[in-house]
Amino acid sequence: MAPTLTMRITEVQEDYVVVDANHPLAGETLNFQVRVLRVRQATEDEVLAAQAEASDAQAPGGEPS
């Protein structure tokens, strides 16, 4: 089964339509109020994955990409 993609038609012309597939809140500033309910020690696999992700985010010269 093919995945579903929600789009809005934003313009209708005689031979084409313009669609917008962005989420309605794309580009908006969102503020959340959260409460931490539990804290746990990261597993070794989680630490290794986070380290790999952090090293992937580094551009040459040590600057963040």
Protein backbone atom coordinates (compact mmCIF):
# COMPACT_ATOMS: atom_id res chain seq x y z
CA MET A 1 0.00 0.00 0.00
CA ALA A 2 1.37 3.43 -0.94
CA PRO A 3 1.80 5.98 1.86
CA THR A 4 -0.79 8.74 2.14
CA LEU A 5 0.27 12.37 1.71
CA THR A 6 -2.09 15.16 2.71
CA MET A 7 -2.00 18.25 0.49
CA ARG A 8 -4.02 21.43 0.13
CA ILE A 9 -4.89 22.85 -3.27
CA THR A 10 -3.82 26.50 -3.14
CA GLU A 11 -4.41 27.54 -6.74
CA VAL A 12 -6.44 26.19 -9.66
CA GLN A 13 -5.55 27.08 -13.23
CA GLU A 14 -7.00 25.81 -16.48
CA ASP A 15 -4.27 23.25 -17.09
CA TYR A 16 -2.72 22.71 -13.64
CA VAL A 17 -3.21 23.03 -9.89
CA VAL A 18 -0.78 24.22 -7.22
CA VAL A 19 -0.67 22.14 -4.06
CA ASP A 20 0.92 22.70 -0.65
CA ALA A 21 2.13 19.58 1.17
CA ASN A 22 3.57 21.46 4.16
CA HIS A 23 2.06 20.94 7.58
CA PRO A 24 -0.26 23.87 8.40
CA LEU A 25 2.06 24.86 11.26
CA ALA A 26 5.25 24.77 9.14
CA GLY A 27 7.21 27.98 9.65
CA GLU A 28 5.25 28.95 12.75
CA THR A 29 6.85 29.42 16.16
CA LEU A 30 5.53 26.79 18.54
CA ASN A 31 5.87 26.98 22.31
CA PHE A 32 5.36 23.95 24.51
CA GLN A 33 5.11 23.68 28.25
CA VAL A 34 6.41 20.30 29.38
CA ARG A 35 6.97 18.45 32.60
CA VAL A 36 9.66 15.79 33.03
CA LEU A 37 8.10 12.80 34.73
CA ARG A 38 11.08 10.43 34.84
CA VAL A 39 14.80 10.46 34.15
CA ARG A 40 16.81 7.32 33.45
CA GLN A 41 20.37 6.47 32.59
CA ALA A 42 20.98 6.11 28.83
CA THR A 43 21.80 2.64 27.60
CA GLU A 44 25.20 2.00 26.04
CA ASP A 45 23.55 1.71 22.60
CA GLU A 46 21.82 5.09 23.09
CA VAL A 47 25.11 6.74 24.10
CA LEU A 48 26.90 5.27 21.06
CA ALA A 49 24.08 6.36 18.72
CA ALA A 50 24.13 9.91 20.15
CA GLN A 51 27.89 10.11 19.79
CA ALA A 52 27.67 8.93 16.16
CA GLU A 53 24.93 11.47 15.43
CA ALA A 54 26.94 14.27 17.04
CA SER A 55 30.04 13.40 15.04
CA ASP A 56 27.99 13.28 11.82
CA ALA A 57 26.72 16.82 12.57
CA GLN A 58 30.28 18.19 12.66
CA ALA A 59 31.49 19.83 9.45
CA PRO A 60 35.18 19.90 8.50
CA GLY A 61 37.12 22.12 10.88
CA GLY A 62 34.89 21.19 13.82
CA GLU A 63 32.17 23.67 12.97
CA PRO A 64 28.56 22.46 13.26
CA SER A 65 26.95 21.89 9.88
